[in-house]
Amino acid sequence: MQAGRRLFGFDRNVTIAGLVSFCMDLSSEMIYPLVPLFLANTLGVNKSVIGLIEGLAESTASLLKVFSGWLSDRLGNRKWLMAAGYGISTLSRPIIALATGWHHVMGSRFMDRFGKGVRTAPRDAIIAESTDRGALGKAFGFHRAMDTMGAVLGPALAFLLLAWFANDYRKLFWLSMIPGIVAVLLIVFFITEKKKAPAARAARPKLTLAHFDWRFRFFVLIAALFAAGNSSDVFLLLRAQQQGIAPVTIPIVYLVFNLVYSLSAVPAGMAADRFGRKRVILLGFVLFAALYYGFAVAASATAIWVLFGVYGLFMGLTEGVQKAFLTTIIPADFKATAFGVFNMAVGVAMLPASLIGGWLWDHVSPAATFYFGAGTASVSAMLFAVLMFVMGRTPPARSG
């Protein structure tokens, strides 16, 4: 099949990238909802250490995203970096399957996120380069929907397999390798990179922010500030357990979140293409502030179920739409570098977010973790409103 052929209404690369993310999230989410419970209930690890594990894994690995994106632009190669990243994440599964202490869990989480750091920017650049500008929200929304549908089926499969295996986590961890292997094979055999002409590759990009204008820099700053209050989802899962949801039911709570996320991603992307991406992003920031306030004051299991559904709606409104908006304010020749810088800034901010979240939980109160996130989201919404206002009064800059 030739590059540009359409599958399910999208360029083939977009469709295959969605299937790849579906398989990898199926693999990841089979085990992710169980990790904080395993650390807290089985290994007796306190919340500050859990925050350290999550923050360190996400943030340190996120440093790779900018270098991976820059390297992808410099080499003119995206496919094989993408394949390597998914392969590394798949190889992290045996470490957690054999873990006997929290440091092994940290090693597995770090390796998994390391792989994510390698693959994310090249993959997003492939999607952007395979999509017409007017359909970017729809394409990234489709990708997020496929990614999240894997995250829906992962916890459901985990719930069934845990019952089948009599709560033997290790067998589940081993089985999670299978969809990861399928993801790598899909990239190798079905992604066809659109090669640049030699002249287009001659000017090799340097790793510098000089390529990007004030809109990109300001948006990255806002996204990083928002991420600094968006602590790891493990705290949401621990909050669910604290409010009376049984550990065996936790994967189903996470399934509800991912189901709403998946179902809302494409409609949110289409709405953003039609009514304005900036409006949808602003709505997402405001919704998150209300959501985290809700987690702070929640006093029943019913409230937790509702909040996880609202959290899925927030993710559907923001994840793909932010990348679609980003694509419109970056130079064409530096897409992977820009995605790398954006993802790195957000990822690095997750280290203090999770550390602060864990410290507040242990030393102030569980609610304080969520009040802090609601506050940073409110400030981010105000700053983004300023960006919208200034962009509306400033002629568009040339973005290559």
Protein backbone atom coordinates (compact mmCIF):
# COMPACT_ATOMS: atom_id res chain seq x y z
CA MET A 1 0.00 0.00 0.00
CA GLN A 2 1.23 3.48 -0.86
CA ALA A 3 1.48 6.40 1.56
CA GLY A 4 -1.64 8.52 1.37
CA ARG A 5 -4.10 5.66 0.96
CA ARG A 6 -7.11 6.16 3.20
CA LEU A 7 -8.46 3.72 5.77
CA PHE A 8 -11.71 4.43 7.66
CA GLY A 9 -11.74 7.96 6.27
CA PHE A 10 -8.21 8.87 7.40
CA ASP A 11 -4.79 8.69 5.79
CA ARG A 12 -3.47 5.17 6.33
CA ASN A 13 -0.67 6.37 8.60
CA VAL A 14 -3.20 8.06 10.89
CA THR A 15 -5.33 4.90 11.07
CA ILE A 16 -2.35 2.61 11.73
CA ALA A 17 -0.95 5.01 14.36
CA GLY A 18 -4.32 4.84 16.07
CA LEU A 19 -4.27 1.02 16.03
CA VAL A 20 -0.73 1.04 17.40
CA SER A 21 -1.74 3.28 20.29
CA PHE A 22 -4.82 1.12 20.90
CA CYS A 23 -2.61 -1.97 21.32
CA MET A 24 -0.05 -0.24 23.54
CA ASP A 25 -2.65 1.31 25.80
CA LEU A 26 -4.39 -2.04 26.07
CA SER A 27 -1.04 -3.39 27.29
CA SER A 28 -0.34 -0.47 29.65
CA GLU A 29 -3.79 -0.16 31.18
CA MET A 30 -4.00 -3.86 31.97
CA ILE A 31 -1.51 -3.12 34.75
CA TYR A 32 -1.47 0.64 35.45
CA PRO A 33 -4.59 0.85 37.70
CA LEU A 34 -3.16 -1.95 39.85
CA VAL A 35 0.31 -0.45 40.38
CA PRO A 36 -0.59 2.15 43.09
CA LEU A 37 -2.66 -0.43 44.96
CA PHE A 38 0.19 -2.93 44.76
CA LEU A 39 2.65 -0.33 46.06
CA ALA A 40 0.41 0.96 48.85
CA ASN A 41 -1.37 -2.22 49.97
CA THR A 42 1.18 -4.96 49.29
CA LEU A 43 4.53 -3.22 49.64
CA GLY A 44 3.37 -0.64 52.21
CA VAL A 45 4.86 2.31 50.34
CA ASN A 46 3.71 5.76 51.52
CA LYS A 47 2.14 8.29 49.17
CA SER A 48 5.24 10.50 48.95
CA VAL A 49 7.27 7.59 47.56
CA ILE A 50 4.47 6.72 45.14
CA GLY A 51 4.52 10.34 43.98
CA LEU A 52 8.29 10.17 43.58
CA ILE A 53 8.09 7.00 41.48
CA GLU A 54 5.44 8.43 39.18
CA GLY A 55 6.95 11.89 38.93
CA LEU A 56 10.50 10.65 38.34
CA ALA A 57 9.42 8.14 35.72
CA GLU A 58 7.34 10.68 33.80
CA SER A 59 9.65 13.66 34.11
CA THR A 60 13.04 12.08 33.55
CA ALA A 61 11.80 10.13 30.56
CA SER A 62 10.11 13.25 29.21
CA LEU A 63 13.51 14.84 28.71
CA LEU A 64 13.88 12.39 25.83
CA LYS A 65 10.85 13.76 24.03
CA VAL A 66 12.53 16.93 22.87
CA PHE A 67 15.69 15.10 21.80
CA SER A 68 13.69 12.41 20.04
CA GLY A 69 11.68 15.04 18.19
CA TRP A 70 14.78 17.00 17.23
CA LEU A 71 16.55 13.81 16.11
CA SER A 72 13.52 12.84 14.05
CA ASP A 73 13.56 16.19 12.25
CA ARG A 74 17.33 16.09 11.82
CA LEU A 75 17.47 12.56 10.40
CA GLY A 76 14.27 12.86 8.42
CA ASN A 77 13.19 9.59 10.03
CA ARG A 78 10.16 9.09 12.23
CA LYS A 79 9.02 5.50 11.74
CA TRP A 80 11.98 3.70 13.30
CA LEU A 81 12.19 6.00 16.32
CA MET A 82 8.50 5.36 16.82
CA ALA A 83 9.05 1.59 16.59
CA ALA A 84 11.98 1.73 19.02
CA GLY A 85 9.92 3.63 21.59
CA TYR A 86 7.05 1.17 21.52
CA GLY A 87 9.52 -1.71 21.69
CA ILE A 88 11.25 -0.33 24.80
CA SER A 89 7.91 0.07 26.59
CA THR A 90 6.97 -3.50 25.74
CA LEU A 91 10.24 -4.79 27.18
CA SER A 92 9.48 -3.07 30.49
CA ARG A 93 6.73 -5.58 31.28
CA PRO A 94 8.98 -8.46 32.47
CA ILE A 95 10.59 -6.15 35.06
CA ILE A 96 7.32 -5.51 36.87
CA ALA A 97 6.27 -9.14 36.42
CA LEU A 98 9.39 -10.21 38.33
CA ALA A 99 9.38 -7.32 40.85
CA THR A 100 10.03 -8.05 44.52
CA GLY A 101 10.40 -4.45 45.74
CA TRP A 102 9.26 -0.92 44.97
CA HIS A 103 12.57 -0.11 43.26
CA HIS A 104 11.80 -2.78 40.64
CA VAL A 105 8.41 -1.18 40.05
CA MET A 106 10.14 2.19 39.64
CA GLY A 107 12.56 0.65 37.12
CA SER A 108 9.70 -0.77 35.08
CA ARG A 109 7.76 2.51 35.15
CA PHE A 110 10.86 4.45 34.15
CA MET A 111 11.58 2.12 31.22
CA ASP A 112 7.96 2.29 30.07
CA ARG A 113 7.99 6.10 30.13
CA PHE A 114 11.45 6.12 28.53
CA GLY A 115 9.89 4.36 25.56
CA LYS A 116 7.06 6.87 25.53
CA GLY A 117 9.60 9.68 25.45
CA VAL A 118 11.25 8.17 22.39
CA ARG A 119 8.07 7.54 20.40
CA THR A 120 5.69 10.41 21.13
CA ALA A 121 7.10 13.30 19.07
CA PRO A 122 7.87 11.25 15.91
CA ARG A 123 4.41 9.67 16.07
CA ASP A 124 2.64 13.02 16.46
CA ALA A 125 4.68 14.43 13.58
CA ILE A 126 3.64 11.51 11.33
CA ILE A 127 -0.01 12.18 12.15
CA ALA A 128 0.36 15.93 11.51
CA GLU A 129 2.19 15.40 8.20
CA SER A 130 -0.44 12.91 7.02
CA THR A 131 -3.42 15.23 7.67
CA ASP A 132 -4.89 18.28 5.96
CA ARG A 133 -4.82 21.39 8.14
CA GLY A 134 -8.61 21.63 8.25
CA ALA A 135 -8.95 18.11 9.71
CA LEU A 136 -6.21 18.20 12.35
CA GLY A 137 -8.63 18.19 15.29
CA LYS A 138 -10.51 15.23 13.86
CA ALA A 139 -7.28 13.29 13.15
CA PHE A 140 -5.76 13.86 16.59
CA GLY A 141 -9.16 13.21 18.15
CA PHE A 142 -9.33 9.87 16.31
CA HIS A 143 -5.87 9.00 17.56
CA ARG A 144 -6.81 9.83 21.15
CA ALA A 145 -10.03 7.84 20.78
CA MET A 146 -8.17 4.75 19.59
CA ASP A 147 -5.51 5.20 22.25
CA THR A 148 -8.14 5.50 24.93
CA MET A 149 -10.28 2.63 23.67
CA GLY A 150 -7.28 0.46 24.45
CA ALA A 151 -7.30 2.03 27.89
CA VAL A 152 -10.98 1.09 28.21
CA LEU A 153 -10.46 -2.55 27.32
CA GLY A 154 -7.24 -2.84 29.34
CA PRO A 155 -8.82 -2.44 32.80
CA ALA A 156 -11.83 -4.55 31.73
CA LEU A 157 -9.51 -7.34 30.63
CA ALA A 158 -7.50 -6.95 33.83
CA PHE A 159 -10.69 -7.27 35.89
CA LEU A 160 -11.61 -10.53 34.14
CA LEU A 161 -8.11 -12.00 34.19
CA LEU A 162 -7.57 -11.20 37.87
CA ALA A 163 -10.68 -13.21 38.68
CA TRP A 164 -9.53 -16.02 36.36
CA PHE A 165 -5.99 -16.07 37.82
CA ALA A 166 -7.15 -15.68 41.45
CA ASN A 167 -5.51 -12.22 41.78
CA ASP A 168 -2.14 -13.39 40.44
CA TYR A 169 -0.77 -10.05 39.24
CA ARG A 170 2.37 -11.54 37.73
CA LYS A 171 0.52 -13.61 35.12
CA LEU A 172 -1.37 -10.51 34.10
CA PHE A 173 1.85 -8.53 33.77
CA TRP A 174 3.35 -11.19 31.49
CA LEU A 175 0.26 -11.32 29.27
CA SER A 176 0.36 -7.54 28.84
CA MET A 177 3.39 -7.99 26.57
CA ILE A 178 1.29 -9.51 23.78
CA PRO A 179 -0.55 -6.35 22.60
CA GLY A 180 2.74 -4.42 22.92
CA ILE A 181 4.41 -6.80 20.50
CA VAL A 182 1.48 -6.40 18.07
CA ALA A 183 1.92 -2.60 18.24
CA VAL A 184 5.56 -2.84 17.17
CA LEU A 185 4.74 -5.18 14.28
CA LEU A 186 2.05 -2.79 13.01
CA ILE A 187 4.61 0.02 12.82
CA VAL A 188 7.23 -2.10 11.07
CA PHE A 189 4.91 -3.47 8.39
CA PHE A 190 2.23 -0.83 7.84
CA ILE A 191 3.53 2.69 8.61
CA THR A 192 4.93 4.24 5.43
CA GLU A 193 6.92 7.37 6.07
CA LYS A 194 6.59 10.20 3.61
CA LYS A 195 10.19 10.82 2.72
CA LYS A 196 11.44 14.36 2.30
CA ALA A 197 13.35 15.35 -0.81
CA PRO A 198 17.14 15.70 -0.33
CA ALA A 199 16.83 19.48 -0.64
CA ALA A 200 14.28 19.54 2.16
CA ARG A 201 16.61 17.59 4.43
CA ALA A 202 19.63 19.75 3.67
CA ALA A 203 18.86 22.35 6.33
CA ARG A 204 19.14 20.17 9.40
CA PRO A 205 17.31 21.74 12.36
CA LYS A 206 19.24 22.84 15.41
CA LEU A 207 17.96 22.17 18.90
CA THR A 208 16.87 25.71 19.75
CA LEU A 209 13.71 27.63 20.59
CA ALA A 210 14.66 30.25 17.99
CA HIS A 211 12.51 28.38 15.47
CA PHE A 212 9.35 29.19 17.42
CA ASP A 213 7.48 32.44 18.03
CA TRP A 214 5.89 33.88 21.17
CA ARG A 215 2.61 31.98 20.69
CA PHE A 216 4.32 28.62 20.97
CA ARG A 217 6.47 29.66 23.93
CA PHE A 218 3.55 31.16 25.84
CA PHE A 219 1.37 28.11 25.21
CA VAL A 220 4.14 25.77 26.40
CA LEU A 221 4.49 27.88 29.57
CA ILE A 222 0.73 27.64 30.21
CA ALA A 223 0.70 23.88 29.60
CA ALA A 224 3.65 23.39 31.96
CA LEU A 225 1.98 25.45 34.70
CA PHE A 226 -1.17 23.41 34.31
CA ALA A 227 0.81 20.16 34.47
CA ALA A 228 2.53 21.31 37.68
CA GLY A 229 -0.81 20.90 39.45
CA ASN A 230 -1.97 17.85 37.51
CA SER A 231 -0.51 15.13 39.74
CA SER A 232 -0.42 11.50 38.68
CA ASP A 233 -3.68 9.63 38.22
CA VAL A 234 -2.53 7.26 40.96
CA PHE A 235 -3.81 9.84 43.46
CA LEU A 236 -7.25 9.72 41.86
CA LEU A 237 -7.24 5.93 42.18
CA LEU A 238 -6.12 6.13 45.80
CA ARG A 239 -8.85 8.70 46.46
CA ALA A 240 -11.37 6.27 44.97
CA GLN A 241 -10.24 3.54 47.35
CA GLN A 242 -10.32 6.00 50.27
CA GLN A 243 -13.95 6.85 49.53
CA GLY A 244 -15.07 3.24 49.74
CA ILE A 245 -14.51 1.71 46.28
CA ALA A 246 -13.13 -1.83 46.66
CA PRO A 247 -9.67 -2.51 45.16
CA VAL A 248 -11.07 -5.20 42.86
CA THR A 249 -13.44 -2.58 41.39
CA ILE A 250 -10.75 0.06 40.79
CA PRO A 251 -10.03 -1.16 37.22
CA ILE A 252 -13.72 -0.67 36.39
CA VAL A 253 -13.67 2.90 37.72
CA TYR A 254 -10.68 3.56 35.47
CA LEU A 255 -12.54 1.88 32.61
CA VAL A 256 -15.40 4.38 33.00
CA PHE A 257 -12.91 7.26 32.79
CA ASN A 258 -11.31 5.88 29.65
CA LEU A 259 -14.63 5.01 28.01
CA VAL A 260 -15.89 8.59 28.34
CA TYR A 261 -12.47 9.84 27.19
CA SER A 262 -12.56 7.65 24.10
CA LEU A 263 -16.14 8.47 23.12
CA SER A 264 -15.65 12.23 23.55
CA ALA A 265 -12.27 12.62 21.78
CA VAL A 266 -13.45 12.59 18.14
CA PRO A 267 -16.55 14.80 18.71
CA ALA A 268 -14.36 17.23 20.68
CA GLY A 269 -11.83 17.33 17.84
CA MET A 270 -14.54 17.93 15.23
CA ALA A 271 -16.11 20.64 17.40
CA ALA A 272 -12.69 22.27 17.79
CA ASP A 273 -12.15 22.25 14.00
CA ARG A 274 -15.54 23.92 13.52
CA PHE A 275 -15.92 26.29 16.46
CA GLY A 276 -12.32 27.01 17.41
CA ARG A 277 -9.61 24.97 19.10
CA LYS A 278 -8.77 27.71 21.57
CA ARG A 279 -12.33 27.81 22.90
CA VAL A 280 -12.33 24.06 23.50
CA ILE A 281 -8.95 24.17 25.26
CA LEU A 282 -10.13 26.98 27.56
CA LEU A 283 -13.27 25.02 28.39
CA GLY A 284 -11.06 22.05 29.27
CA PHE A 285 -8.95 24.05 31.72
CA VAL A 286 -12.05 25.41 33.48
CA LEU A 287 -13.58 21.93 33.65
CA PHE A 288 -10.41 20.52 35.21
CA ALA A 289 -10.42 23.16 37.95
CA ALA A 290 -14.00 22.23 38.82
CA LEU A 291 -13.17 18.53 38.60
CA TYR A 292 -10.26 18.64 41.03
CA TYR A 293 -12.33 20.74 43.42
CA GLY A 294 -14.88 17.94 43.22
CA PHE A 295 -12.27 15.32 44.13
CA ALA A 296 -11.23 17.47 47.10
CA VAL A 297 -14.74 17.64 48.58
CA ALA A 298 -16.07 14.23 47.43
CA ALA A 299 -17.52 12.27 50.34
CA SER A 300 -19.02 9.16 48.72
CA ALA A 301 -18.27 6.40 46.23
CA THR A 302 -21.08 7.69 43.99
CA ALA A 303 -19.39 11.07 43.69
CA ILE A 304 -16.13 9.36 42.71
CA TRP A 305 -17.84 7.43 39.89
CA VAL A 306 -19.32 10.67 38.52
CA LEU A 307 -16.02 12.54 38.82
CA PHE A 308 -14.13 9.87 36.90
CA GLY A 309 -16.66 10.24 34.09
CA VAL A 310 -16.16 14.02 34.08
CA TYR A 311 -12.40 13.45 34.07
CA GLY A 312 -12.80 11.41 30.89
CA LEU A 313 -14.71 14.29 29.31
CA PHE A 314 -11.93 16.71 30.25
CA MET A 315 -9.32 14.47 28.61
CA GLY A 316 -11.41 14.15 25.46
CA LEU A 317 -11.70 17.94 25.26
CA THR A 318 -8.00 18.69 25.67
CA GLU A 319 -5.48 15.99 24.72
CA GLY A 320 -5.96 15.79 20.96
CA VAL A 321 -7.20 19.37 20.59
CA GLN A 322 -4.07 20.82 22.23
CA LYS A 323 -1.88 19.00 19.71
CA ALA A 324 -4.09 20.13 16.84
CA PHE A 325 -3.80 23.74 18.06
CA LEU A 326 -0.05 23.34 18.46
CA THR A 327 0.27 22.17 14.85
CA THR A 328 -1.18 25.49 13.64
CA ILE A 329 1.41 27.68 15.42
CA ILE A 330 4.67 25.85 14.61
CA PRO A 331 6.90 25.86 11.50
CA ALA A 332 6.29 22.99 9.09
CA ASP A 333 9.95 21.87 9.14
CA PHE A 334 10.14 21.58 12.93
CA LYS A 335 6.98 19.69 13.84
CA ALA A 336 8.64 16.81 15.71
CA THR A 337 10.98 19.21 17.55
CA ALA A 338 8.00 21.34 18.61
CA PHE A 339 6.02 18.33 19.81
CA GLY A 340 9.12 17.18 21.67
CA VAL A 341 9.57 20.55 23.41
CA PHE A 342 5.89 20.68 24.33
CA ASN A 343 5.79 17.12 25.68
CA MET A 344 9.07 17.58 27.54
CA ALA A 345 7.87 20.76 29.27
CA VAL A 346 4.62 19.09 30.34
CA GLY A 347 6.41 15.92 31.41
CA VAL A 348 9.09 17.68 33.45
CA ALA A 349 6.37 19.64 35.26
CA MET A 350 4.83 16.34 36.34
CA LEU A 351 7.74 15.62 38.72
CA PRO A 352 6.97 18.52 41.09
CA ALA A 353 3.25 17.88 40.52
CA SER A 354 3.46 14.32 41.84
CA LEU A 355 5.96 15.17 44.57
CA ILE A 356 3.81 18.05 45.80
CA GLY A 357 0.68 15.91 45.50
CA GLY A 358 2.20 13.13 47.59
CA TRP A 359 3.62 15.52 50.20
CA LEU A 360 0.29 17.34 50.57
CA TRP A 361 -1.53 14.01 50.94
CA ASP A 362 0.84 12.78 53.66
CA HIS A 363 1.42 16.03 55.57
CA VAL A 364 -1.69 18.18 55.06
CA SER A 365 -4.66 16.15 53.82
CA PRO A 366 -5.75 14.14 50.75
CA ALA A 367 -8.06 17.01 49.80
CA ALA A 368 -5.11 19.44 49.71
CA THR A 369 -3.63 17.53 46.76
CA PHE A 370 -6.71 18.34 44.72
CA TYR A 371 -7.17 21.92 45.92
CA PHE A 372 -3.66 22.62 44.67
CA GLY A 373 -4.47 21.18 41.23
CA ALA A 374 -7.68 23.19 41.02
CA GLY A 375 -5.73 26.37 41.77
CA THR A 376 -3.05 25.87 39.10
CA ALA A 377 -5.74 24.97 36.54
CA SER A 378 -7.60 28.21 37.31
CA VAL A 379 -4.46 30.28 36.77
CA SER A 380 -3.74 28.39 33.54
CA ALA A 381 -7.25 29.14 32.28
CA MET A 382 -6.77 32.85 32.93
CA LEU A 383 -3.42 32.91 31.14
CA PHE A 384 -4.85 31.03 28.18
CA ALA A 385 -7.68 33.54 27.97
CA VAL A 386 -4.99 36.24 27.72
CA LEU A 387 -3.30 34.27 24.90
CA MET A 388 -6.62 34.03 23.06
CA PHE A 389 -7.21 37.76 23.41
CA VAL A 390 -3.73 38.74 22.17
CA MET A 391 -3.82 36.27 19.27
CA GLY A 392 -7.18 37.70 18.27
CA ARG A 393 -5.66 41.19 18.02
CA THR A 394 -2.34 40.15 16.42
CA PRO A 395 -1.95 39.22 12.73
CA PRO A 396 -0.92 35.55 12.35
CA ALA A 397 2.81 35.00 12.17
CA ARG A 398 4.21 32.98 9.30
CA SER A 399 4.81 29.42 10.52
CA GLY A 400 6.52 27.85 7.55
